[in-house]
Structure formats: structure tokens, C-alpha cells
């Protein structure tokens, strides 16, 4: 295996999840159960095939004392200092959270940015405007770099399960 591939694996989110599990001497089954997720989902996370939700990140941090910065970016120490109290996310001032997200955003991959948009909007619907601003910044950056901006897909109207396709109301 080339050094580049090994470095990429070591710096992946899946690799960090696996390191936490191994440091705790847990099987995938036991680790998944502690996090409240399926073993198959954990396996896909460790293989970098799936991205966990924010609730999984918080569970890992709280349950195992893991530094969220390390878990998300690979920077810093894996375990939190005993002197550092894990603060429930509900108790973190939203302005501090926005600052941290802004810093994370600067170095995030496109996949991480997409994940962050979805999870952050789900957890904090009042930040929708802020998230939309971030999306506009990304699109502006893509435009300036000459990269194509993904088109927004129009939603197809949902078909009723109670009438066959192509049938009008008068035919029923």
C-alpha cells in the first residue's frame, strides 16, 4: 500500500471511529450497541462508506470522553482531559457554536459540508438563514473557480397511492 493511501486512511473519520472502538477493547457489535446504532451501520462508518449523524458524534464524545475536534478533524488528542467537562450541546451558547462551525467549515470537504448543513439545520432550525448564507458562499466560491454549481432539483409532485397514474378525478 502506498504511503499516500495509508495517510488518507489514518486521517479518515472511519479510521478514528475504529481507533476509539479498539481503544475501548470493544467489538463492533458492543460499540454499536453503546451508541444506539446497528452494527452494519458502524461497519460502514469505519469503512468511510457512510457518515454518522450529529447524535452519534455526541454519543461518542459523551459516552467515551472523546474530543469532538479530534473525532471530526483528527486534530488534538483523542480523549478529553479529565479536567474538561463535556457540556451538553443544549448548554453551548449558539454564538460559540457558530464560531466553531465557521472554523470547521474552512477546512471541511464538500461531503463534510453537506453533512454539516443537514445535521445543523435539523438540530437548530433557527439557523436556516445562516446555513443558506454558507451555501451561497460555497456556490460563489465554486463560480469564481469555474466549477459547475449543482442545479437544484425540482420536486416531482407526489402521486397518490389511491388512484392509478393517468386517471383523472372524474374517471374514478
Protein backbone atom coordinates (compact mmCIF):
# COMPACT_ATOMS: atom_id res chain seq x y z
CA UNK A 1 0.00 0.00 0.00
CA UNK A 2 1.35 3.44 -0.84
CA UNK A 3 2.15 5.97 1.85
CA UNK A 4 -0.49 8.33 0.41
CA UNK A 5 -3.24 5.71 0.78
CA UNK A 6 -2.13 4.87 4.32
CA UNK A 7 -2.12 8.57 5.29
CA UNK A 8 -5.59 9.02 3.82
CA UNK A 9 -6.89 6.03 5.79
CA UNK A 10 -5.30 7.27 9.03
CA UNK A 11 -6.85 10.70 8.55
CA UNK A 12 -10.34 9.39 7.81
CA UNK A 13 -13.35 9.63 10.07
CA UNK A 14 -13.87 5.86 9.79
CA UNK A 15 -10.33 5.23 10.99
CA UNK A 16 -10.92 7.47 14.03
CA UNK A 17 -14.15 5.60 14.90
CA UNK A 18 -12.27 2.31 14.70
CA UNK A 19 -9.46 3.65 16.91
CA UNK A 20 -11.99 4.63 19.59
CA UNK A 21 -13.57 1.18 19.45
CA UNK A 22 -10.20 -0.58 19.66
CA UNK A 23 -9.01 1.69 22.50
CA UNK A 24 -12.10 0.59 24.45
CA UNK A 25 -11.48 -3.10 23.58
CA UNK A 26 -14.96 -3.37 22.08
CA UNK A 27 -16.32 -5.41 19.23
CA UNK A 28 -18.26 -3.62 16.53
CA UNK A 29 -21.43 -5.14 17.98
CA UNK A 30 -20.75 -3.84 21.51
CA UNK A 31 -19.61 -0.40 20.29
CA UNK A 32 -22.66 -0.05 18.04
CA UNK A 33 -24.98 -1.08 20.88
CA UNK A 34 -23.40 1.54 23.19
CA UNK A 35 -24.01 4.20 20.52
CA UNK A 36 -27.54 3.03 19.75
CA UNK A 37 -26.81 2.19 16.11
CA UNK A 38 -26.76 -1.02 14.07
CA UNK A 39 -23.50 -2.97 13.76
CA UNK A 40 -23.77 -2.82 9.97
CA UNK A 41 -24.04 0.97 10.08
CA UNK A 42 -20.94 1.15 12.30
CA UNK A 43 -19.09 -1.10 9.88
CA UNK A 44 -19.95 1.26 7.02
CA UNK A 45 -18.80 4.26 9.10
CA UNK A 46 -15.47 2.55 9.81
CA UNK A 47 -15.07 1.85 6.08
CA UNK A 48 -15.88 5.51 5.25
CA UNK A 49 -18.94 4.42 3.29
CA UNK A 50 -21.45 6.27 5.50
CA UNK A 51 -21.40 9.47 7.54
CA UNK A 52 -22.92 9.30 11.03
CA UNK A 53 -25.41 11.84 12.26
CA UNK A 54 -24.67 14.50 14.84
CA UNK A 55 -26.32 12.44 17.54
CA UNK A 56 -23.75 9.67 17.01
CA UNK A 57 -20.86 12.13 17.30
CA UNK A 58 -22.28 13.49 20.54
CA UNK A 59 -22.86 9.98 21.91
CA UNK A 60 -19.25 9.00 21.18
CA UNK A 61 -17.98 12.15 22.87
CA UNK A 62 -20.18 11.87 25.95
CA UNK A 63 -20.08 8.11 26.45
CA UNK A 64 -16.37 7.57 25.79
CA UNK A 65 -14.93 11.01 26.69
CA UNK A 66 -13.74 11.68 23.14
CA UNK A 67 -12.59 15.09 21.97
CA UNK A 68 -15.09 16.14 19.28
CA UNK A 69 -12.45 18.20 17.49
CA UNK A 70 -10.26 15.10 17.18
CA UNK A 71 -13.19 12.97 16.09
CA UNK A 72 -14.27 15.42 13.38
CA UNK A 73 -10.89 16.64 12.13
CA UNK A 74 -8.15 14.41 13.58
CA UNK A 75 -6.62 17.44 15.36
CA UNK A 76 -5.73 17.36 19.03
CA UNK A 77 -5.90 14.48 21.47
CA UNK A 78 -8.35 11.61 21.15
CA UNK A 79 -9.52 11.69 24.76
CA UNK A 80 -10.71 14.73 26.64
CA UNK A 81 -8.71 15.88 29.64
CA UNK A 82 -10.36 14.81 32.86
CA UNK A 83 -10.45 18.48 33.79
CA UNK A 84 -12.54 19.30 30.72
CA UNK A 85 -16.21 18.89 31.36
CA UNK A 86 -18.34 17.64 28.50
CA UNK A 87 -21.09 20.20 28.16
CA UNK A 88 -24.42 19.07 26.73
CA UNK A 89 -24.94 20.65 23.31
CA UNK A 90 -28.11 22.32 24.57
CA UNK A 91 -25.99 24.31 27.05
CA UNK A 92 -23.49 25.62 24.50
CA UNK A 93 -24.21 29.25 23.58
CA UNK A 94 -25.29 29.22 19.95
CA UNK A 95 -22.89 32.04 19.04
CA UNK A 96 -19.94 29.93 20.26
CA UNK A 97 -21.25 27.01 18.27
CA UNK A 98 -21.49 29.19 15.15
CA UNK A 99 -17.88 30.29 15.64
CA UNK A 100 -16.70 26.69 15.96
CA UNK A 101 -18.73 25.66 12.89
CA UNK A 102 -17.23 28.57 10.91
CA UNK A 103 -13.73 27.37 11.81
CA UNK A 104 -14.57 23.76 10.95
CA UNK A 105 -16.16 24.89 7.67
CA UNK A 106 -12.91 26.43 6.45
CA UNK A 107 -11.17 23.02 6.27
CA UNK A 108 -14.14 20.75 5.60
CA UNK A 109 -14.51 18.64 2.46
CA UNK A 110 -17.61 19.05 0.30
CA UNK A 111 -19.10 15.87 1.83
CA UNK A 112 -18.48 17.16 5.34
CA UNK A 113 -20.06 20.50 4.43
CA UNK A 114 -23.13 18.73 3.04
CA UNK A 115 -23.41 16.59 6.17
CA UNK A 116 -22.94 19.65 8.38
CA UNK A 117 -25.69 21.58 6.60
CA UNK A 118 -28.21 18.79 7.09
CA UNK A 119 -27.34 17.98 10.70
CA UNK A 120 -27.03 21.57 11.84
CA UNK A 121 -30.28 22.58 10.22
CA UNK A 122 -32.05 19.62 11.78
CA UNK A 123 -30.68 20.40 15.24
CA UNK A 124 -31.10 24.19 15.01
CA UNK A 125 -33.84 25.18 12.58
CA UNK A 126 -33.44 28.85 13.56
CA UNK A 127 -30.05 28.84 11.85
CA UNK A 128 -31.55 28.12 8.44
CA UNK A 129 -30.70 31.65 7.25
CA UNK A 130 -27.08 31.23 8.37
CA UNK A 131 -26.86 27.87 6.60
CA UNK A 132 -28.30 29.35 3.43
CA UNK A 133 -25.65 32.09 3.61
CA UNK A 134 -22.95 29.39 3.84
CA UNK A 135 -24.46 27.65 0.82
CA UNK A 136 -24.36 30.91 -1.17
CA UNK A 137 -20.70 31.38 -0.15
CA UNK A 138 -19.88 27.87 -1.42
CA UNK A 139 -21.68 28.48 -4.70
CA UNK A 140 -19.93 31.84 -5.13
CA UNK A 141 -16.56 30.18 -4.49
CA UNK A 142 -17.40 27.43 -7.00
CA UNK A 143 -18.42 30.04 -9.58
CA UNK A 144 -15.21 32.03 -9.09
CA UNK A 145 -13.15 28.86 -9.50
CA UNK A 146 -15.06 27.95 -12.65
CA UNK A 147 -16.53 24.80 -11.12
CA UNK A 148 -20.12 23.92 -12.04
CA UNK A 149 -22.74 24.69 -9.45
CA UNK A 150 -25.10 21.73 -8.90
CA UNK A 151 -28.59 22.53 -10.13
CA UNK A 152 -31.39 22.38 -7.63
CA UNK A 153 -33.71 19.54 -8.50
CA UNK A 154 -37.37 20.34 -8.85
CA UNK A 155 -39.54 18.08 -6.74
CA UNK A 156 -41.96 15.92 -8.65
CA UNK A 157 -45.50 16.10 -7.30
CA UNK A 158 -46.25 13.05 -5.21
CA UNK A 159 -48.57 10.58 -6.84
CA UNK A 160 -51.48 9.44 -4.78
CA UNK A 161 -51.35 5.78 -3.80
CA UNK A 162 -55.16 5.72 -4.06
CA UNK A 163 -55.63 6.40 -7.76
CA UNK A 164 -53.81 4.91 -10.72
CA UNK A 165 -51.38 7.12 -12.63
CA UNK A 166 -53.01 8.88 -15.55
CA UNK A 167 -56.51 8.63 -14.07
CA UNK A 168 -58.46 11.86 -13.62
CA UNK A 169 -60.75 12.58 -10.72
CA UNK A 170 -63.83 12.28 -12.99
CA UNK A 171 -62.79 8.76 -14.08
CA UNK A 172 -62.80 7.49 -10.50
